[in-house]
Amino acid sequence: MQVGVVSRSFPGWTNVQIADYMKEHGFLTTELCLTATDSDYWRYNSTSDLSDLTDERFAEICSIYRQRGIQLVSLGVFTNLIEPDDAKRDGNLAYFKRHIELAGKNGIPCVSTECGFDPEKRGILTTFYQSAIDRIKDSLSILLAECDKWNVDIALETCVIDVIPSAKRARDILAQVGHPRLKILLDPANLIANSSEEDMFRYLSDKIAYFHGKDRHVNDTMGCAVGDGEIDWPLFLGLYHRYNEGVPFILEYVKPDNMCAIRDRVLEYDRQAVRA
């Protein structure tokens, strides 16, 4: 099993430093987020000014990783798709569309995002749940039309503390949107409180673009590193091999001082899964 790591695990590093470390330590797949000191554009649940990020500069960034044998699985966006203010939502969508274009021009197969949220009322509230669902369906439909132009998929990451909090609800959104380019970024830590390991694969296995590798205690708000929470990893990885063999598995919530040890945990769980 090959284990990758998200590029935003290296705060304060340049792209060359990040790519060199990945190559040296055997992390040969990544979700590329523009968080390096020489490409500082990524803003979680928000946007940034991309006006000086030229096609040429982004192609250079991609080459830094590919020249070292690192597969770019996805370009991370993670902006707010349920923003209720039309003008702000338009800005978010324009930012997202530029990422789609960059991915398409550089052969990155998908762009990834969460649903988005209002920090003051994150999660499901009856006062705005239906409007948020309608909003994200509309946002996705607009973006998927752009994806058709550039031959790029959207990998949607859902979460128990967001507006699509379970594997079953994620499957329903996929059906309602009804577009073949809408896929799932499956982060088991984000669903474990509402969905069993088996249900994640039951509802979503045929739509998974790639996996995030992190963990969570069932009643914790925040996630944690693989093995520090309550996911049954030998069970999960057994299901991975049964339904999604070879799909990229990319660590999250790790840093350079622990990512190799966490990767080794994953490989040990994987050995247990194979034996089972």
Protein backbone atom coordinates (compact mmCIF):
# COMPACT_ATOMS: atom_id res chain seq x y z
CA MET A 1 0.00 0.00 0.00
CA GLN A 2 1.39 3.39 -0.98
CA VAL A 3 0.76 6.20 1.51
CA GLY A 4 1.01 9.87 0.52
CA VAL A 5 0.81 13.11 2.47
CA VAL A 6 -0.92 16.45 1.88
CA SER A 7 1.47 19.20 0.83
CA ARG A 8 0.14 21.57 3.51
CA SER A 9 1.85 19.45 6.17
CA PHE A 10 5.03 21.56 5.86
CA PRO A 11 4.41 25.08 7.19
CA GLY A 12 7.18 27.53 6.38
CA TRP A 13 8.76 25.37 3.65
CA THR A 14 9.26 26.05 -0.05
CA ASN A 15 7.87 23.75 -2.74
CA VAL A 16 11.35 22.41 -3.46
CA GLN A 17 11.92 21.62 0.23
CA ILE A 18 8.53 19.91 0.48
CA ALA A 19 9.05 17.85 -2.68
CA ASP A 20 12.59 16.85 -1.68
CA TYR A 21 11.35 15.64 1.71
CA MET A 22 8.49 13.69 0.15
CA LYS A 23 10.83 11.98 -2.29
CA GLU A 24 13.45 11.18 0.34
CA HIS A 25 10.90 9.61 2.69
CA GLY A 26 8.82 7.76 0.10
CA PHE A 27 5.67 9.90 0.02
CA LEU A 28 5.01 9.71 -3.70
CA THR A 29 1.40 10.96 -3.86
CA THR A 30 0.04 14.27 -2.64
CA GLU A 31 -2.94 16.58 -2.52
CA LEU A 32 -1.33 19.82 -3.64
CA CYS A 33 -2.43 22.89 -1.71
CA LEU A 34 -0.73 26.18 -2.41
CA THR A 35 0.63 26.78 1.09
CA ALA A 36 4.38 26.88 0.45
CA THR A 37 6.29 30.07 1.18
CA ASP A 38 6.85 30.59 -2.55
CA SER A 39 3.18 29.93 -3.44
CA ASP A 40 1.15 31.13 -0.48
CA TYR A 41 -2.41 31.23 -1.84
CA TRP A 42 -4.40 28.59 0.05
CA ARG A 43 -6.95 29.92 2.54
CA TYR A 44 -9.14 27.39 4.35
CA ASN A 45 -12.86 28.08 3.86
CA SER A 46 -11.97 31.33 2.13
CA THR A 47 -10.15 32.74 -0.91
CA SER A 48 -7.04 34.70 -1.81
CA ASP A 49 -5.85 36.91 -4.65
CA LEU A 50 -4.66 34.63 -7.46
CA SER A 51 -3.96 37.42 -9.93
CA ASP A 52 -0.19 36.92 -9.88
CA LEU A 53 -0.38 33.12 -10.10
CA THR A 54 0.27 32.74 -13.81
CA ASP A 55 -0.20 29.58 -15.83
CA GLU A 56 3.58 29.39 -16.23
CA ARG A 57 4.28 29.68 -12.50
CA PHE A 58 1.75 27.00 -11.62
CA ALA A 59 3.21 24.67 -14.25
CA GLU A 60 6.63 25.21 -12.65
CA ILE A 61 5.22 24.25 -9.26
CA CYS A 62 3.73 21.06 -10.70
CA SER A 63 7.07 20.21 -12.31
CA ILE A 64 8.88 20.51 -8.97
CA TYR A 65 6.86 17.57 -7.65
CA ARG A 66 6.63 15.52 -10.82
CA GLN A 67 10.37 15.70 -11.49
CA ARG A 68 10.78 13.93 -8.15
CA GLY A 69 8.29 11.20 -9.04
CA ILE A 70 5.42 12.58 -6.95
CA GLN A 71 1.91 12.11 -8.29
CA LEU A 72 -0.39 15.14 -7.99
CA VAL A 73 -3.68 13.47 -7.10
CA SER A 74 -5.62 16.66 -6.52
CA LEU A 75 -5.42 20.43 -6.30
CA GLY A 76 -6.90 21.52 -2.99
CA VAL A 77 -9.36 24.44 -2.96
CA PHE A 78 -11.52 24.11 0.19
CA THR A 79 -13.53 27.29 -0.13
CA ASN A 80 -17.07 27.99 1.13
CA LEU A 81 -19.71 26.63 -1.25
CA ILE A 82 -22.69 27.49 1.00
CA GLU A 83 -21.90 31.22 1.37
CA PRO A 84 -25.34 32.90 1.46
CA ASP A 85 -24.20 36.32 0.23
CA ASP A 86 -24.39 36.28 -3.57
CA ALA A 87 -21.44 38.60 -4.17
CA LYS A 88 -19.18 36.68 -1.79
CA ARG A 89 -20.31 33.35 -3.25
CA ASP A 90 -19.51 34.64 -6.74
CA GLY A 91 -15.99 35.43 -5.53
CA ASN A 92 -15.63 31.96 -4.06
CA LEU A 93 -16.80 30.37 -7.31
CA ALA A 94 -14.43 32.48 -9.41
CA TYR A 95 -11.55 31.41 -7.16
CA PHE A 96 -12.65 27.79 -7.51
CA LYS A 97 -12.97 28.05 -11.29
CA ARG A 98 -9.39 29.29 -11.56
CA HIS A 99 -8.24 26.21 -9.66
CA ILE A 100 -10.23 24.02 -12.06
CA GLU A 101 -8.53 25.73 -14.99
CA LEU A 102 -5.07 25.31 -13.47
CA ALA A 103 -5.72 21.65 -12.74
CA GLY A 104 -7.04 21.04 -16.24
CA LYS A 105 -4.11 22.72 -17.94
CA ASN A 106 -1.65 20.66 -15.89
CA GLY A 107 -3.21 17.22 -15.93
CA ILE A 108 -4.32 17.13 -12.29
CA PRO A 109 -7.39 14.88 -12.30
CA CYS A 110 -9.48 16.57 -9.62
CA VAL A 111 -9.92 19.59 -7.38
CA SER A 112 -10.96 19.04 -3.78
CA THR A 113 -13.18 20.93 -1.40
CA GLU A 114 -15.26 20.70 1.73
CA CYS A 115 -18.83 22.02 1.77
CA GLY A 116 -17.83 25.23 3.53
CA PHE A 117 -19.30 26.74 6.66
CA ASP A 118 -20.11 29.83 8.69
CA PRO A 119 -17.78 29.69 11.72
CA GLU A 120 -20.54 31.10 13.92
CA LYS A 121 -23.04 28.37 13.07
CA ARG A 122 -21.20 25.40 11.68
CA GLY A 123 -23.10 22.15 11.26
CA ILE A 124 -26.78 21.36 10.86
CA LEU A 125 -29.31 23.88 12.14
CA THR A 126 -32.95 23.58 11.16
CA THR A 127 -33.09 27.33 10.53
CA PHE A 128 -30.74 27.12 7.55
CA TYR A 129 -30.14 23.47 6.68
CA GLN A 130 -32.39 23.32 3.63
CA SER A 131 -31.12 26.62 2.25
CA ALA A 132 -27.53 25.41 2.69
CA ILE A 133 -28.27 22.15 0.87
CA ASP A 134 -29.88 24.06 -1.98
CA ARG A 135 -26.90 26.42 -2.05
CA ILE A 136 -24.27 23.72 -2.26
CA LYS A 137 -26.16 21.88 -4.99
CA ASP A 138 -26.31 25.09 -6.98
CA SER A 139 -22.62 25.86 -6.39
CA LEU A 140 -21.61 22.35 -7.43
CA SER A 141 -23.71 22.50 -10.58
CA ILE A 142 -22.04 25.76 -11.62
CA LEU A 143 -18.57 24.38 -10.94
CA LEU A 144 -19.20 21.05 -12.62
CA ALA A 145 -20.07 22.83 -15.84
CA GLU A 146 -16.60 24.37 -15.65
CA CYS A 147 -15.11 20.94 -14.90
CA ASP A 148 -16.58 19.63 -18.14
CA LYS A 149 -14.55 22.25 -20.03
CA TRP A 150 -11.29 21.21 -18.43
CA ASN A 151 -11.76 17.43 -17.96
CA VAL A 152 -11.46 17.71 -14.17
CA ASP A 153 -13.49 16.09 -11.36
CA ILE A 154 -14.56 17.62 -8.04
CA ALA A 155 -13.68 15.56 -4.95
CA LEU A 156 -16.14 16.61 -2.24
CA GLU A 157 -15.10 16.03 1.38
CA THR A 158 -18.07 15.74 3.73
CA CYS A 159 -17.98 15.88 7.52
CA VAL A 160 -20.06 15.23 10.63
CA ILE A 161 -19.73 18.88 11.66
CA ASP A 162 -20.84 20.22 8.27
CA VAL A 163 -24.01 20.30 6.21
CA ILE A 164 -23.49 16.81 4.71
CA PRO A 165 -22.66 14.80 7.85
CA SER A 166 -22.90 11.12 6.86
CA ALA A 167 -22.10 8.70 4.08
CA LYS A 168 -25.78 8.20 3.31
CA ARG A 169 -26.41 11.94 3.00
CA ALA A 170 -23.34 12.27 0.80
CA ARG A 171 -24.72 9.58 -1.49
CA ASP A 172 -28.02 11.42 -1.69
CA ILE A 173 -26.28 14.67 -2.69
CA LEU A 174 -24.39 12.81 -5.41
CA ALA A 175 -27.70 11.53 -6.73
CA GLN A 176 -29.42 14.91 -6.53
CA VAL A 177 -26.63 16.71 -8.34
CA GLY A 178 -26.45 13.86 -10.82
CA HIS A 179 -23.17 14.72 -12.49
CA PRO A 180 -20.52 12.06 -13.23
CA ARG A 181 -17.67 14.44 -12.41
CA LEU A 182 -18.78 14.82 -8.78
CA LYS A 183 -16.75 12.38 -6.69
CA ILE A 184 -16.00 11.91 -3.00
CA LEU A 185 -12.85 12.64 -1.03
CA LEU A 186 -13.44 10.08 1.72
CA ASP A 187 -12.02 11.10 5.06
CA PRO A 188 -13.16 8.38 7.49
CA ALA A 189 -12.48 10.62 10.48
CA ASN A 190 -15.06 13.04 9.18
CA LEU A 191 -17.82 10.42 9.05
CA ILE A 192 -17.05 7.95 11.87
CA ALA A 193 -19.49 9.56 14.30
CA ASN A 194 -22.42 9.07 11.91
CA SER A 195 -21.33 6.23 9.63
CA SER A 196 -19.68 2.88 10.35
CA GLU A 197 -16.59 1.84 8.47
CA GLU A 198 -18.77 -0.53 6.44
CA ASP A 199 -21.35 2.14 5.60
CA MET A 200 -18.71 4.48 4.22
CA PHE A 201 -17.89 1.88 1.57
CA ARG A 202 -21.49 0.69 1.18
CA TYR A 203 -22.67 4.12 0.09
CA LEU A 204 -19.59 5.68 -1.44
CA SER A 205 -17.04 3.15 -2.69
CA ASP A 206 -17.92 3.60 -6.37
CA LYS A 207 -17.52 7.39 -6.14
CA ILE A 208 -14.27 7.76 -4.20
CA ALA A 209 -11.57 9.86 -5.88
CA TYR A 210 -9.07 9.41 -3.03
CA PHE A 211 -8.81 9.08 0.74
CA HIS A 212 -7.60 11.30 3.55
CA GLY A 213 -5.83 9.36 6.27
CA LYS A 214 -6.70 10.77 9.67
CA ASP A 215 -8.60 9.69 12.78
CA ARG A 216 -11.14 11.01 15.28
CA HIS A 217 -12.73 10.16 18.59
CA VAL A 218 -16.44 9.81 18.01
CA ASN A 219 -17.45 12.77 20.19
CA ASP A 220 -14.50 15.04 19.43
CA THR A 221 -14.83 18.10 17.23
CA MET A 222 -11.29 17.91 15.93
CA GLY A 223 -9.59 15.08 14.11
CA CYS A 224 -6.24 13.53 15.01
CA ALA A 225 -3.52 11.39 13.46
CA VAL A 226 -4.23 7.84 12.32
CA GLY A 227 -4.20 5.54 15.34
CA ASP A 228 -4.98 8.26 17.88
CA GLY A 229 -8.76 7.97 17.51
CA GLU A 230 -11.48 5.32 17.32
CA ILE A 231 -11.53 4.16 13.70
CA ASP A 232 -11.02 0.41 13.31
CA TRP A 233 -8.15 0.70 10.85
CA PRO A 234 -7.59 -3.01 10.09
CA LEU A 235 -11.31 -3.23 9.26
CA PHE A 236 -11.24 -0.01 7.24
CA LEU A 237 -8.17 -1.02 5.26
CA GLY A 238 -9.59 -4.47 4.62
CA LEU A 239 -12.61 -2.77 3.06
CA TYR A 240 -10.25 -0.46 1.15
CA HIS A 241 -8.54 -3.47 -0.43
CA ARG A 242 -11.89 -5.09 -1.19
CA TYR A 243 -13.56 -2.09 -2.82
CA ASN A 244 -10.96 0.59 -3.68
CA GLU A 245 -7.63 -1.12 -4.19
CA GLY A 246 -4.96 1.30 -5.37
CA VAL A 247 -6.94 4.50 -4.79
CA PRO A 248 -4.59 7.14 -3.28
CA PHE A 249 -4.46 7.23 0.53
CA ILE A 250 -3.03 10.57 1.67
CA LEU A 251 -2.16 11.42 5.27
CA GLU A 252 -3.52 14.54 6.91
CA TYR A 253 -2.94 16.06 10.38
CA VAL A 254 0.73 15.13 10.37
CA LYS A 255 3.93 17.15 10.34
CA PRO A 256 7.51 16.36 9.29
CA ASP A 257 8.45 15.21 12.80
CA ASN A 258 5.78 12.48 12.96
CA MET A 259 4.56 11.70 9.44
CA CYS A 260 6.92 8.78 8.88
CA ALA A 261 5.87 7.18 12.17
CA ILE A 262 2.19 7.68 11.34
CA ARG A 263 2.78 6.22 7.87
CA ASP A 264 4.35 3.17 9.54
CA ARG A 265 1.24 2.82 11.71
CA VAL A 266 -0.89 2.73 8.58
CA LEU A 267 1.32 0.06 7.05
CA GLU A 268 1.08 -2.04 10.23
CA TYR A 269 -2.70 -1.73 10.24
CA ASP A 270 -2.58 -2.71 6.59
CA ARG A 271 -0.60 -5.85 7.41
CA GLN A 272 -3.22 -6.74 10.00
CA ALA A 273 -5.96 -6.18 7.43
CA VAL A 274 -4.28 -8.43 4.88
CA ARG A 275 -3.80 -11.20 7.49
CA ALA A 276 -7.47 -10.92 8.50
